[in-house]
Amino acid sequence: MRQSKLFGRTLREAPAEAQTPGHRLVLRAAIAKPLAAGLYTWLPLGFRVAKKVERIIRQEQNRIGAQEMEMPVLTPAEPWKQTGRWDALEPITFRTKDHNGREFMVSYTHEEFVHLHAMQETQSYKQMPQIVYHFQSKGRDEARPRAGLLRLREFVMKDAYSFDVDQAGLEKSYAAEHEAYARTFERMGLDAISVESDTGAMGGDIAHEFQVLTEVGEDRIAICSNCDYRANLEKATRYIEGGSARADGVPARSAIATPGTESIEALEASLGQPGDAFLKTLLFRDQSRKVVAVVLPGDRDVNEAKLRKALATGEVKFASDADFVEAGAVPGYIGPIGLKTRVLVDHGVGARPYIAGANKKDVHFRDVVLGRDFEGERVDASDVREGDLCPKCKVGRLTIKRGVEVGNIFAYGTYYSDKMNATFVAEDGTRRPFFGGSYGIGLERAVQTIIETHHDDKGIVWPPQVAPYHAHVIALPMNDEDVRTKAEALVAKLETSGVEVLYDDRDESAGVKFADADLIGIPLRVTVSKRNLKENAVELKLRTAAESEMVPHGSAVDRIAEIVASWPR
C-alpha cells in the first residue's frame, strides 16, 4: 500500500475531546474517526487491525468446535417482550417501527433469537452440545459515550451461545469458552485477567469478565493480595469478622437529641463516634415502583448492582418525598425501627449496638440491635473497599484496581429457555429446557485497549500479530530515482514473499516520515536511503528496539521475511 494514497491522514496533535492516551492515538494515527458521539468509522489502517483481531477470535472459537453463523441486526419486539427484556432494556436500546407499525429493536445482544433458532434446529439431546457464534453490529444508546472506541453506541461484537442438555454440560462449555478467551486475549497481546462479575441484564448467576488492568478503565476490580480471588466491584464481597457474635447485655434503646444532624458525617462530628458506629438507612424504589429500605453500616455505601440483583429489578432510584411519608420515615432521621415497608439488611450489619435514626425529626436512637429492635431480610448490598478481607481465603486484603472489560461470559442456565418454552427431546423422551450460556468480545474496545497498553511517547507500538502491516518501507529522498527504483523493487519482492508492506512514497522530509512511522507503530521500519545505498545496505529498525540493523541490500528481503516469520500469529 502506497502511503501517498492511504485514505486517512495523521495528526500532529490530538483533538481536544480525546480523553485517554489510546483515544488520542486512535485519532492521531488515522485508526478511526468519529462520525457523531459514540459513532466511529474505521479508517483503512484501523480496519486492517480489526480484521486481524477478528481472525484471532474466529480461530479460537473454531478450535473449541463453535460454528459461525450470522443473525440480523434488526430484531422483532415479540421475543424481547416474551423474556421481559423489552421493558428492562428500554433506557439503553434503539427502537423503531416499520410501515405496518410493527416494533423492532436494533440488536443489543441475541439470546432470545438464538434460542428461537435452537428450538427449530436442535430438537434432540443427540445434537448437543452446540456452540454457535457470529460477528454482528450492536446498538446501545449510551447516555455518555466516552474515550473513543471504549464506549460506543454502535460496535461489532463476537457473541457466542452454547446449548447443553444439563448444568454439567453447560459447565463444560463455559470452561471451554473461558479457556478460548484466555488464549484469544493472549494472542492479541492483551494481559487480561478473569474476574467474577455481575450478570446484569443477561440473567443467571454465574459470569466472568476478562479485564485488562489500566488506569483508563472505568471498571474497578477487587484483587486479593494472598489468593486468586478477583471480582468486579459490582460483584465483589468481603469477609466480615465476628459475623456470628451476639450482643448480650446491651441496654434498651434510648432516644438522643440530634437537632440539625442529618448525615453520618455530621453525627460523627457531633457524637464523636466513627462511621461504623451508626446505621445508614436508605429508601429506594424499584422498576415497578415498590419501595424498599436498605440498612447498612454507616461507613458503607449501597452497591447499586447488588441491590438490583437482590430486588430482581432492572433499575433502582432514590425514593420520593411521598414514598418517605408512606413508609413512615423522616428524611435525615430515617432508621429501621417501625418502617412500614420491606426492609433489607446488609450482611455487614452485626449483632452489636448501633446509633440509628428514630424516624422523628432531630432524634436518633442509641443502642439499636438487629434481631431485638428491628428485623429484615439479610442481603449483600454494600460496597467493597481497599483493605477489606478477602471472602475466599479470609487472610488477604483486597486492593482495588481499574480495568477495561474486553470480554464477558455468562452461564445463565434455563433463564431464557423457561421464559420462551425452548425445549428439546431428552434421552428419556420428555421435553427439557436448554441450558445456555453466552460469550461476548467487542472488537472496537479490544483494538483501543491494545493501543492503551501498547504505546510510548512517540505513538502506537503494535503487537506484530495485530499490526496493520508487517513492515513500513520508507524511501529517502523520494525524488532520487535510484532510491525510488530500489525501494519499489524491494516492496514488490516483500509482498511476493507474503510480507505486508506500507510504503511511504510521499515527498516529505525524513523527520516527518520517521515521526509518522513511530506514530502508526508498524513493527518493522525499513529505510531505503541514498546514504545507505552508497554502502549497498538497507536499515532495519524494530519499533520496540533502540538500535537499528544494517543489512546488505541483496539479502534484505530474506532478512525481513525471517524477522516476520519469527513473530507470533
Protein backbone atom coordinates (compact mmCIF):
# COMPACT_ATOMS: atom_id res chain seq x y z
CA MET A 1 0.00 0.00 0.00
CA ARG A 2 1.38 3.39 -1.02
CA GLN A 3 1.13 5.82 1.85
CA SER A 4 0.54 8.69 -0.56
CA LYS A 5 -2.77 7.04 -1.46
CA LEU A 6 -3.74 6.00 2.08
CA PHE A 7 -7.27 7.09 2.99
CA GLY A 8 -6.67 8.75 6.35
CA ARG A 9 -4.19 11.38 7.46
CA THR A 10 -2.10 11.51 10.60
CA LEU A 11 -2.33 14.45 13.01
CA ARG A 12 0.46 16.18 14.87
CA GLU A 13 -1.88 16.95 17.80
CA ALA A 14 -4.98 15.14 19.00
CA PRO A 15 -8.32 16.96 19.11
CA ALA A 16 -9.21 18.48 22.47
CA GLU A 17 -12.02 15.97 23.08
CA ALA A 18 -9.63 12.99 23.20
CA GLN A 19 -9.85 11.56 26.72
CA THR A 20 -7.16 8.87 27.08
CA PRO A 21 -3.74 8.12 25.57
CA GLY A 22 -5.27 5.42 23.39
CA HIS A 23 -8.10 7.70 22.27
CA ARG A 24 -5.59 10.36 21.26
CA LEU A 25 -3.57 7.83 19.27
CA VAL A 26 -6.65 6.38 17.58
CA LEU A 27 -7.31 9.87 16.19
CA ARG A 28 -3.73 10.94 15.51
CA ALA A 29 -2.65 7.71 13.79
CA ALA A 30 -5.72 7.59 11.49
CA ILE A 31 -7.06 4.39 13.06
CA ALA A 32 -10.67 5.58 13.33
CA LYS A 33 -12.52 8.88 13.20
CA PRO A 34 -15.80 9.99 14.81
CA LEU A 35 -18.96 10.46 12.81
CA ALA A 36 -21.03 11.54 15.85
CA ALA A 37 -20.91 10.97 19.61
CA GLY A 38 -20.31 7.24 20.13
CA LEU A 39 -20.24 6.50 16.39
CA TYR A 40 -16.84 5.85 14.80
CA THR A 41 -15.68 4.95 11.30
CA TRP A 42 -12.79 2.53 10.87
CA LEU A 43 -10.21 4.06 8.55
CA PRO A 44 -8.16 1.58 6.45
CA LEU A 45 -5.33 1.17 9.00
CA GLY A 46 -7.75 0.50 11.84
CA PHE A 47 -9.92 -1.75 9.70
CA ARG A 48 -6.93 -3.98 8.98
CA VAL A 49 -6.23 -4.25 12.72
CA ALA A 50 -9.89 -5.03 13.46
CA LYS A 51 -9.87 -7.81 10.87
CA LYS A 52 -6.75 -9.36 12.41
CA VAL A 53 -8.35 -9.25 15.85
CA GLU A 54 -11.45 -10.84 14.33
CA ARG A 55 -9.30 -13.58 12.76
CA ILE A 56 -7.76 -14.48 16.12
CA ILE A 57 -11.18 -14.63 17.77
CA ARG A 58 -12.57 -16.77 14.94
CA GLN A 59 -9.65 -19.21 15.10
CA GLU A 60 -10.04 -19.73 18.83
CA GLN A 61 -13.83 -20.18 18.56
CA ASN A 62 -13.36 -22.71 15.78
CA ARG A 63 -10.76 -24.51 17.86
CA ILE A 64 -13.38 -25.42 20.50
CA GLY A 65 -15.88 -26.55 17.87
CA ALA A 66 -18.03 -23.42 17.70
CA GLN A 67 -19.84 -22.85 14.40
CA GLU A 68 -20.07 -19.43 12.76
CA MET A 69 -23.42 -18.07 11.63
CA GLU A 70 -25.00 -14.62 11.40
CA MET A 71 -28.24 -13.19 12.79
CA PRO A 72 -29.86 -9.89 11.76
CA VAL A 73 -29.10 -6.50 13.27
CA LEU A 74 -32.79 -5.55 13.35
CA THR A 75 -34.77 -7.81 15.68
CA PRO A 76 -38.56 -8.07 16.22
CA ALA A 77 -40.05 -6.96 19.53
CA GLU A 78 -42.06 -10.07 20.41
CA PRO A 79 -39.20 -12.31 21.69
CA TRP A 80 -37.83 -9.39 23.73
CA LYS A 81 -41.25 -8.93 25.30
CA GLN A 82 -41.55 -12.65 25.95
CA THR A 83 -38.45 -12.59 28.18
CA GLY A 84 -39.24 -9.21 29.75
CA ARG A 85 -36.18 -7.51 28.32
CA TRP A 86 -38.13 -5.17 26.04
CA ASP A 87 -39.01 -3.10 29.10
CA ALA A 88 -35.85 -3.83 31.11
CA LEU A 89 -33.56 -2.62 28.32
CA GLU A 90 -35.66 0.37 27.28
CA PRO A 91 -33.28 3.08 28.58
CA ILE A 92 -30.28 1.85 26.57
CA THR A 93 -31.66 0.47 23.31
CA PHE A 94 -32.65 1.86 19.94
CA ARG A 95 -36.19 1.04 18.74
CA THR A 96 -38.11 1.64 15.54
CA LYS A 97 -41.32 0.64 13.76
CA ASP A 98 -41.87 -0.48 10.20
CA HIS A 99 -44.57 0.91 7.89
CA ASN A 100 -47.08 -1.56 9.33
CA GLY A 101 -46.46 -0.39 12.88
CA ARG A 102 -44.51 -3.46 13.97
CA GLU A 103 -41.88 -2.79 16.61
CA PHE A 104 -38.20 -3.65 16.25
CA MET A 105 -35.04 -3.23 18.33
CA VAL A 106 -31.55 -2.68 16.99
CA SER A 107 -29.73 -5.72 18.35
CA TYR A 108 -28.38 -5.27 21.86
CA THR A 109 -27.48 -8.94 22.12
CA HIS A 110 -29.03 -12.10 20.63
CA GLU A 111 -30.00 -14.55 23.40
CA GLU A 112 -33.70 -14.51 22.50
CA PHE A 113 -33.11 -15.07 18.82
CA VAL A 114 -30.51 -17.79 19.07
CA HIS A 115 -32.97 -19.64 21.34
CA LEU A 116 -35.62 -19.34 18.62
CA HIS A 117 -33.19 -20.92 16.16
CA ALA A 118 -32.16 -23.62 18.65
CA MET A 119 -35.80 -24.63 19.09
CA GLN A 120 -36.04 -25.15 15.34
CA GLU A 121 -32.64 -26.66 14.58
CA THR A 122 -31.68 -28.62 17.72
CA GLN A 123 -34.58 -30.89 18.62
CA SER A 124 -32.83 -33.83 20.28
CA TYR A 125 -30.30 -34.33 23.05
CA LYS A 126 -28.21 -36.23 20.48
CA GLN A 127 -27.43 -32.92 18.72
CA MET A 128 -25.82 -31.36 21.79
CA PRO A 129 -23.60 -29.80 22.97
CA GLN A 130 -23.74 -26.93 20.49
CA ILE A 131 -21.86 -23.62 20.35
CA VAL A 132 -22.62 -21.08 17.63
CA TYR A 133 -21.25 -17.57 17.18
CA HIS A 134 -21.38 -14.55 14.92
CA PHE A 135 -19.80 -11.13 14.42
CA GLN A 136 -22.56 -8.56 14.36
CA SER A 137 -23.17 -4.85 14.95
CA LYS A 138 -24.82 -3.91 18.24
CA GLY A 139 -26.66 -0.74 19.15
CA ARG A 140 -26.66 0.65 22.69
CA ASP A 141 -28.00 4.11 23.45
CA GLU A 142 -25.18 5.06 25.79
CA ALA A 143 -26.02 8.24 27.67
CA ARG A 144 -22.32 9.12 27.90
CA PRO A 145 -20.20 7.59 25.13
CA ARG A 146 -16.58 8.01 26.20
CA ALA A 147 -12.95 7.60 25.30
CA GLY A 148 -13.23 6.90 21.61
CA LEU A 149 -13.72 3.20 20.97
CA LEU A 150 -14.00 2.19 24.63
CA ARG A 151 -17.71 3.04 24.99
CA LEU A 152 -19.66 3.32 21.76
CA ARG A 153 -23.27 3.49 20.66
CA GLU A 154 -22.62 1.13 17.75
CA PHE A 155 -19.93 -1.56 17.70
CA VAL A 156 -19.19 -5.04 16.42
CA MET A 157 -19.34 -7.88 18.89
CA LYS A 158 -18.44 -11.52 18.57
CA ASP A 159 -21.17 -13.19 20.58
CA ALA A 160 -21.26 -16.95 21.02
CA TYR A 161 -24.03 -19.08 22.51
CA SER A 162 -23.85 -22.58 23.94
CA PHE A 163 -26.65 -25.12 24.32
CA ASP A 164 -26.39 -28.15 26.58
CA VAL A 165 -28.68 -30.82 27.99
CA ASP A 166 -27.91 -30.10 31.66
CA GLN A 167 -25.90 -28.00 34.09
CA ALA A 168 -22.88 -30.30 33.92
CA GLY A 169 -22.75 -29.89 30.15
CA LEU A 170 -23.10 -26.12 30.46
CA GLU A 171 -20.18 -26.04 32.86
CA LYS A 172 -18.01 -27.84 30.29
CA SER A 173 -18.99 -25.41 27.53
CA TYR A 174 -18.41 -22.48 29.87
CA ALA A 175 -14.95 -23.80 30.76
CA ALA A 176 -14.12 -24.30 27.06
CA GLU A 177 -15.08 -20.69 26.28
CA HIS A 178 -13.16 -19.45 29.31
CA GLU A 179 -10.01 -21.15 28.03
CA ALA A 180 -10.66 -19.90 24.48
CA TYR A 181 -10.94 -16.33 25.79
CA ALA A 182 -7.70 -16.61 27.72
CA ARG A 183 -5.89 -17.78 24.56
CA THR A 184 -7.61 -15.14 22.42
CA PHE A 185 -6.52 -12.19 24.53
CA GLU A 186 -3.00 -13.55 24.96
CA ARG A 187 -2.69 -13.82 21.16
CA MET A 188 -3.93 -10.24 20.76
CA GLY A 189 -1.18 -9.05 23.08
CA LEU A 190 -3.54 -8.25 25.96
CA ASP A 191 -2.77 -9.21 29.55
CA ALA A 192 -6.39 -9.94 30.51
CA ILE A 193 -7.39 -11.43 33.86
CA SER A 194 -10.60 -13.30 34.59
CA VAL A 195 -12.74 -11.77 37.33
CA GLU A 196 -16.13 -12.65 38.81
CA SER A 197 -18.82 -10.26 37.58
CA ASP A 198 -22.45 -9.30 37.89
CA THR A 199 -24.79 -10.91 35.35
CA GLY A 200 -26.83 -7.70 34.96
CA ALA A 201 -29.49 -7.82 32.22
CA MET A 202 -28.17 -11.16 30.91
CA GLY A 203 -29.74 -13.26 33.66
CA GLY A 204 -28.40 -16.23 35.61
CA ASP A 205 -25.96 -16.30 38.50
CA ILE A 206 -22.52 -17.12 37.03
CA ALA A 207 -20.48 -14.68 34.98
CA HIS A 208 -16.87 -13.65 34.43
CA GLU A 209 -15.29 -10.66 32.79
CA PHE A 210 -11.87 -10.51 31.19
CA GLN A 211 -10.31 -7.28 32.41
CA VAL A 212 -7.15 -5.52 31.31
CA LEU A 213 -5.80 -3.52 34.23
CA THR A 214 -5.19 0.07 33.18
CA GLU A 215 -5.86 3.45 34.74
CA VAL A 216 -8.03 4.47 31.78
CA GLY A 217 -10.58 1.77 32.66
CA GLU A 218 -13.92 2.68 34.19
CA ASP A 219 -14.43 -0.67 35.92
CA ARG A 220 -12.99 -1.27 39.38
CA ILE A 221 -11.64 -4.69 40.28
CA ALA A 222 -11.07 -6.16 43.75
CA ILE A 223 -7.92 -8.32 43.84
CA CYS A 224 -6.76 -10.37 46.83
CA SER A 225 -3.16 -9.95 47.97
CA ASN A 226 -2.97 -13.59 49.07
CA CYS A 227 -5.06 -15.81 46.78
CA ASP A 228 -6.59 -15.85 43.30
CA TYR A 229 -9.82 -14.04 44.24
CA ARG A 230 -10.67 -11.31 41.70
CA ALA A 231 -14.06 -9.69 41.20
CA ASN A 232 -15.65 -6.62 39.67
CA LEU A 233 -16.84 -4.30 42.45
CA GLU A 234 -20.40 -4.82 41.18
CA LYS A 235 -20.00 -8.44 42.33
CA ALA A 236 -17.18 -8.37 44.91
CA THR A 237 -17.82 -9.37 48.51
CA ARG A 238 -15.77 -9.22 51.69
CA TYR A 239 -15.17 -11.41 54.70
CA ILE A 240 -16.79 -9.92 57.79
CA GLU A 241 -15.05 -10.85 61.03
CA GLY A 242 -17.18 -11.74 64.05
CA GLY A 243 -20.31 -12.12 61.95
CA SER A 244 -21.83 -14.73 64.29
CA ALA A 245 -21.21 -12.81 67.52
CA ARG A 246 -24.22 -11.91 69.70
CA ALA A 247 -24.87 -8.65 71.51
CA ASP A 248 -25.89 -9.74 75.01
CA GLY A 249 -26.42 -7.32 77.86
CA VAL A 250 -26.94 -4.28 75.66
CA PRO A 251 -29.19 -1.70 77.35
CA ALA A 252 -32.60 -0.97 75.89
CA ARG A 253 -32.53 1.60 73.12
CA SER A 254 -32.87 5.20 74.18
CA ALA A 255 -33.55 8.44 72.32
CA ILE A 256 -30.90 11.11 71.95
CA ALA A 257 -31.46 14.64 70.70
CA THR A 258 -29.61 15.36 67.44
CA PRO A 259 -31.03 18.68 66.20
CA GLY A 260 -29.99 19.58 62.65
CA THR A 261 -27.78 16.48 62.38
CA GLU A 262 -28.95 14.72 59.23
CA SER A 263 -25.86 12.98 57.82
CA ILE A 264 -23.46 10.33 59.01
CA GLU A 265 -20.61 12.85 58.76
CA ALA A 266 -22.49 15.33 60.96
CA LEU A 267 -23.29 12.59 63.50
CA GLU A 268 -19.63 11.54 63.63
CA ALA A 269 -18.61 15.12 64.42
CA SER A 270 -21.41 15.71 66.92
CA LEU A 271 -21.28 12.43 68.84
CA GLY A 272 -17.58 11.68 68.47
CA GLN A 273 -18.18 8.19 67.07
CA PRO A 274 -16.71 6.53 63.94
CA GLY A 275 -18.87 5.91 60.89
CA ASP A 276 -19.32 2.19 61.58
CA ALA A 277 -20.99 3.00 64.93
CA PHE A 278 -24.09 4.15 63.01
CA LEU A 279 -26.71 2.52 60.84
CA LYS A 280 -27.34 4.11 57.46
CA THR A 281 -30.89 3.53 56.24
CA LEU A 282 -31.73 4.43 52.64
CA LEU A 283 -35.08 4.33 50.88
CA PHE A 284 -35.28 3.17 47.24
CA ARG A 285 -37.91 2.47 44.62
CA ASP A 286 -37.55 -0.37 42.11
CA GLN A 287 -38.64 -0.51 38.48
CA SER A 288 -42.19 -1.49 39.49
CA ARG A 289 -42.27 1.49 41.92
CA LYS A 290 -42.18 -0.72 45.02
CA VAL A 291 -40.42 0.93 47.97
CA VAL A 292 -37.70 -0.82 49.95
CA ALA A 293 -35.44 0.27 52.81
CA VAL A 294 -31.79 -0.79 52.85
CA VAL A 295 -29.92 -0.83 56.17
CA LEU A 296 -26.11 -0.92 56.19
CA PRO A 297 -23.19 0.16 58.38
CA GLY A 298 -22.75 3.94 58.44
CA ASP A 299 -19.29 3.78 56.84
CA ARG A 300 -20.55 1.85 53.80
CA ASP A 301 -22.37 2.82 50.61
CA VAL A 302 -25.02 0.89 48.71
CA ASN A 303 -23.75 -1.12 45.75
CA GLU A 304 -26.47 -0.46 43.17
CA ALA A 305 -25.71 -3.55 41.07
CA LYS A 306 -26.03 -5.81 44.10
CA LEU A 307 -29.25 -4.09 45.13
CA ARG A 308 -30.75 -4.54 41.66
CA LYS A 309 -29.82 -8.22 41.84
CA ALA A 310 -31.37 -8.63 45.29
CA LEU A 311 -34.58 -6.98 44.12
CA ALA A 312 -34.62 -8.73 40.72
CA THR A 313 -35.17 -5.38 39.05
CA GLY A 314 -33.51 -3.56 36.17
CA GLU A 315 -33.45 -0.18 37.89
CA VAL A 316 -33.45 1.41 41.35
CA LYS A 317 -33.98 5.06 42.22
CA PHE A 318 -33.96 7.02 45.44
CA ALA A 319 -37.43 7.31 46.95
CA SER A 320 -39.57 10.43 46.67
CA ASP A 321 -40.97 12.56 49.49
CA ALA A 322 -44.29 10.77 49.10
CA ASP A 323 -42.50 7.40 49.50
CA PHE A 324 -41.00 8.60 52.79
CA VAL A 325 -44.43 9.53 54.10
CA GLU A 326 -45.91 6.19 53.04
CA ALA A 327 -43.05 4.26 54.67
CA GLY A 328 -43.29 6.20 57.94
CA ALA A 329 -39.78 7.62 57.53
CA VAL A 330 -38.36 11.08 58.11
CA PRO A 331 -35.65 12.33 55.71
CA GLY A 332 -32.36 12.88 57.54
CA TYR A 333 -33.57 10.84 60.51
CA ILE A 334 -34.63 7.62 58.85
CA GLY A 335 -33.94 4.41 60.74
CA PRO A 336 -35.01 0.76 60.53
CA ILE A 337 -37.35 0.74 63.54
CA GLY A 338 -41.06 0.97 62.76
CA LEU A 339 -40.78 1.30 58.99
CA LYS A 340 -43.90 0.34 57.08
CA THR A 341 -42.13 -1.14 54.07
CA ARG A 342 -39.87 -4.02 53.05
CA VAL A 343 -36.51 -3.88 54.86
CA LEU A 344 -33.21 -5.32 53.56
CA VAL A 345 -30.29 -5.56 55.99
CA ASP A 346 -26.77 -5.74 54.65
CA HIS A 347 -24.55 -8.61 55.84
CA GLY A 348 -22.16 -6.04 57.27
CA VAL A 349 -24.65 -5.14 59.99
CA GLY A 350 -23.70 -7.22 63.02
CA ALA A 351 -25.43 -8.17 66.26
CA ARG A 352 -24.00 -5.17 68.12
CA PRO A 353 -25.39 -1.84 69.33
CA TYR A 354 -25.68 0.98 66.78
CA ILE A 355 -26.91 4.53 66.64
CA ALA A 356 -29.78 4.87 64.16
CA GLY A 357 -32.38 7.34 63.05
CA ALA A 358 -35.60 7.32 65.08
CA ASN A 359 -37.91 8.39 62.23
CA LYS A 360 -38.57 11.55 64.21
CA LYS A 361 -37.12 14.93 63.35
CA ASP A 362 -33.99 15.83 65.38
CA VAL A 363 -33.95 12.43 67.14
CA HIS A 364 -31.77 9.31 66.92
CA PHE A 365 -31.76 6.11 68.95
CA ARG A 366 -28.78 4.75 70.85
CA ASP A 367 -28.20 1.00 71.41
CA VAL A 368 -30.19 -0.25 68.43
CA VAL A 369 -29.63 -4.00 67.92
CA LEU A 370 -30.55 -6.16 64.94
CA GLY A 371 -32.89 -9.01 65.92
CA ARG A 372 -34.06 -7.22 69.06
CA ASP A 373 -35.13 -3.78 67.87
CA PHE A 374 -35.72 -4.48 64.17
CA GLU A 375 -35.70 -7.29 61.61
CA GLY A 376 -35.02 -7.52 57.90
CA GLU A 377 -34.02 -9.76 55.01
CA ARG A 378 -30.25 -10.32 55.03
CA VAL A 379 -28.56 -9.41 51.75
CA ASP A 380 -25.18 -8.33 50.42
CA ALA A 381 -25.89 -4.76 49.30
CA SER A 382 -22.81 -2.76 50.29
CA ASP A 383 -19.61 -1.79 48.56
CA VAL A 384 -16.17 -3.37 48.93
CA ARG A 385 -13.22 -1.16 49.77
CA GLU A 386 -9.45 -1.19 49.68
CA GLY A 387 -8.14 -3.16 52.67
CA ASP A 388 -11.23 -5.35 53.21
CA LEU A 389 -10.61 -9.00 53.98
CA CYS A 390 -10.81 -11.45 51.09
CA PRO A 391 -14.03 -13.53 51.18
CA LYS A 392 -12.23 -16.57 49.77
CA CYS A 393 -9.06 -17.00 51.81
CA LYS A 394 -10.13 -14.73 54.73
CA VAL A 395 -6.48 -13.69 55.13
CA GLY A 396 -5.51 -11.48 52.23
CA ARG A 397 -6.50 -7.86 51.89
CA LEU A 398 -8.33 -6.58 48.84
CA THR A 399 -6.77 -3.97 46.60
CA ILE A 400 -8.82 -2.03 44.06
CA LYS A 401 -7.53 -1.63 40.50
CA ARG A 402 -9.05 0.00 37.43
CA GLY A 403 -9.67 -2.09 34.34
CA VAL A 404 -11.20 -2.21 30.87
CA GLU A 405 -13.59 -5.10 30.25
CA VAL A 406 -12.59 -6.67 26.94
CA GLY A 407 -14.78 -9.77 27.15
CA ASN A 408 -17.52 -11.35 29.21
CA ILE A 409 -19.05 -14.80 29.61
CA PHE A 410 -22.36 -15.78 31.22
CA ALA A 411 -23.76 -19.14 32.29
CA TYR A 412 -27.47 -18.36 32.55
CA GLY A 413 -28.78 -21.93 32.53
CA THR A 414 -32.50 -22.13 31.73
CA TYR A 415 -33.15 -18.39 32.23
CA TYR A 416 -34.24 -17.87 28.61
CA SER A 417 -35.49 -21.40 27.93
CA ASP A 418 -38.00 -21.17 30.76
CA LYS A 419 -39.37 -17.85 29.53
CA MET A 420 -39.53 -18.92 25.87
CA ASN A 421 -40.51 -22.57 26.39
CA ALA A 422 -37.37 -23.51 24.47
CA THR A 423 -37.07 -27.28 24.86
CA PHE A 424 -35.59 -30.39 23.27
CA VAL A 425 -36.40 -34.10 23.47
CA ALA A 426 -34.30 -35.63 26.25
CA GLU A 427 -32.94 -39.20 26.34
CA ASP A 428 -35.97 -40.38 28.35
CA GLY A 429 -38.38 -38.94 25.77
CA THR A 430 -39.51 -35.97 27.84
CA ARG A 431 -39.08 -32.36 26.83
CA ARG A 432 -36.40 -30.47 28.77
CA PRO A 433 -35.21 -26.85 28.65
CA PHE A 434 -31.90 -25.94 27.06
CA PHE A 435 -29.09 -24.98 29.43
CA GLY A 436 -27.43 -21.96 27.85
CA GLY A 437 -24.53 -19.57 28.07
CA SER A 438 -23.39 -16.52 26.13
CA TYR A 439 -19.91 -15.18 25.46
CA GLY A 440 -19.04 -11.74 24.06
CA ILE A 441 -16.00 -9.77 22.84
CA GLY A 442 -16.25 -6.22 21.45
CA LEU A 443 -13.88 -5.62 18.54
CA GLU A 444 -13.56 -1.84 18.82
CA ARG A 445 -12.89 -1.94 22.54
CA ALA A 446 -10.30 -4.68 22.10
CA VAL A 447 -8.41 -2.65 19.48
CA GLN A 448 -8.29 0.52 21.57
CA THR A 449 -7.32 -1.42 24.69
CA ILE A 450 -4.37 -2.83 22.75
CA ILE A 451 -3.36 0.76 21.98
CA GLU A 452 -3.94 1.89 25.58
CA THR A 453 -1.48 -0.75 26.78
CA HIS A 454 0.98 -0.71 23.85
CA HIS A 455 2.28 2.79 23.21
CA ASP A 456 5.09 5.16 24.12
CA ASP A 457 5.57 8.91 23.90
CA LYS A 458 6.05 8.66 20.11
CA GLY A 459 2.99 6.64 19.19
CA ILE A 460 1.49 3.17 18.98
CA VAL A 461 3.62 0.04 19.43
CA TRP A 462 1.51 -2.67 17.80
CA PRO A 463 1.97 -6.31 18.77
CA PRO A 464 3.05 -7.85 15.42
CA GLN A 465 0.12 -10.25 15.25
CA VAL A 466 -2.45 -7.42 15.06
CA ALA A 467 -0.43 -4.66 13.36
CA PRO A 468 -1.96 -3.19 10.21
CA TYR A 469 1.18 -4.09 8.23
CA HIS A 470 4.33 -6.06 9.00
CA ALA A 471 6.82 -3.58 7.55
CA HIS A 472 6.87 0.16 6.90
CA VAL A 473 9.22 0.86 3.98
CA ILE A 474 10.49 4.44 3.81
CA ALA A 475 12.23 5.89 0.75
CA LEU A 476 14.58 8.89 1.30
CA PRO A 477 14.60 11.10 -0.63
CA MET A 478 11.66 10.22 -2.83
CA ASN A 479 12.89 12.39 -5.73
CA ASP A 480 16.07 10.29 -6.11
CA GLU A 481 15.44 7.88 -8.99
CA ASP A 482 17.83 5.19 -7.70
CA VAL A 483 16.27 5.27 -4.23
CA ARG A 484 12.76 5.14 -5.64
CA THR A 485 13.56 2.29 -8.04
CA LYS A 486 15.25 0.14 -5.40
CA ALA A 487 12.59 0.86 -2.76
CA GLU A 488 9.76 -0.13 -5.09
CA ALA A 489 11.60 -3.27 -6.18
CA LEU A 490 12.10 -4.19 -2.50
CA VAL A 491 8.41 -3.63 -1.76
CA ALA A 492 7.39 -5.83 -4.70
CA LYS A 493 9.67 -8.69 -3.56
CA LEU A 494 8.48 -8.42 0.04
CA GLU A 495 4.83 -8.59 -0.98
CA THR A 496 5.59 -11.62 -3.16
CA SER A 497 7.18 -13.21 -0.05
CA GLY A 498 3.97 -12.66 1.94
CA VAL A 499 5.19 -9.64 3.89
CA GLU A 500 2.51 -6.95 4.31
CA VAL A 501 4.01 -3.55 3.47
CA LEU A 502 3.04 0.08 3.92
CA TYR A 503 5.27 2.00 1.51
CA ASP A 504 5.94 5.65 2.37
CA ASP A 505 6.32 7.12 -1.08
CA ARG A 506 5.41 10.65 -0.02
CA ASP A 507 7.56 13.64 -0.89
CA GLU A 508 8.17 14.51 2.76
CA SER A 509 11.27 15.08 4.92
CA ALA A 510 12.97 12.31 6.86
CA GLY A 511 11.72 13.85 10.12
CA VAL A 512 8.08 13.77 9.02
CA LYS A 513 8.34 10.22 7.69
CA PHE A 514 10.06 8.83 10.78
CA ALA A 515 7.62 10.61 13.11
CA ASP A 516 4.67 9.14 11.22
CA ALA A 517 6.26 5.69 11.28
CA ASP A 518 6.60 5.86 15.07
CA LEU A 519 3.06 7.23 15.41
CA ILE A 520 1.44 4.50 13.30
CA GLY A 521 3.57 1.91 15.09
CA ILE A 522 4.14 -0.80 12.46
CA PRO A 523 6.56 -3.35 14.00
CA LEU A 524 9.42 -3.08 11.48
CA ARG A 525 10.71 0.07 9.79
CA VAL A 526 12.73 -0.44 6.62
CA THR A 527 14.65 2.59 5.36
CA VAL A 528 15.96 2.74 1.78
CA SER A 529 18.03 5.92 1.60
CA LYS A 530 20.62 7.48 -0.67
CA ARG A 531 23.20 7.31 2.12
CA ASN A 532 22.51 3.62 2.91
CA LEU A 533 22.59 2.60 -0.74
CA LYS A 534 26.09 4.02 -1.04
CA GLU A 535 27.02 1.25 1.41
CA ASN A 536 24.81 -1.19 -0.53
CA ALA A 537 22.71 -1.58 2.63
CA VAL A 538 19.19 -1.22 3.95
CA GLU A 539 18.39 -0.09 7.51
CA LEU A 540 16.02 -2.21 9.60
CA LYS A 541 14.62 -0.99 12.92
CA LEU A 542 12.08 -2.75 15.12
CA ARG A 543 9.54 -0.38 16.69
CA THR A 544 10.45 -1.80 20.10
CA ALA A 545 14.24 -1.52 19.62
CA ALA A 546 16.55 1.36 20.45
CA GLU A 547 19.11 0.46 17.77
CA SER A 548 18.78 -0.32 14.07
CA GLU A 549 20.35 -3.09 11.99
CA MET A 550 22.12 -2.59 8.67
CA VAL A 551 21.75 -5.48 6.22
CA PRO A 552 23.12 -5.92 2.69
CA HIS A 553 20.64 -4.74 0.09
CA GLY A 554 20.71 -8.11 -1.68
CA SER A 555 19.72 -10.08 1.43
CA ALA A 556 17.21 -7.57 2.85
CA VAL A 557 14.14 -9.48 1.64
CA ASP A 558 15.30 -12.73 3.24
CA ARG A 559 16.20 -10.99 6.50
CA ILE A 560 12.86 -9.15 6.70
CA ALA A 561 10.92 -12.32 5.89
CA GLU A 562 12.91 -14.15 8.59
CA ILE A 563 12.00 -11.49 11.19
CA VAL A 564 8.32 -11.53 10.23
CA ALA A 565 8.19 -15.34 10.31
CA SER A 566 9.51 -15.30 13.90
CA TRP A 567 6.56 -13.28 15.19
CA PRO A 568 3.52 -14.84 16.86
CA ARG A 569 0.42 -15.24 14.71
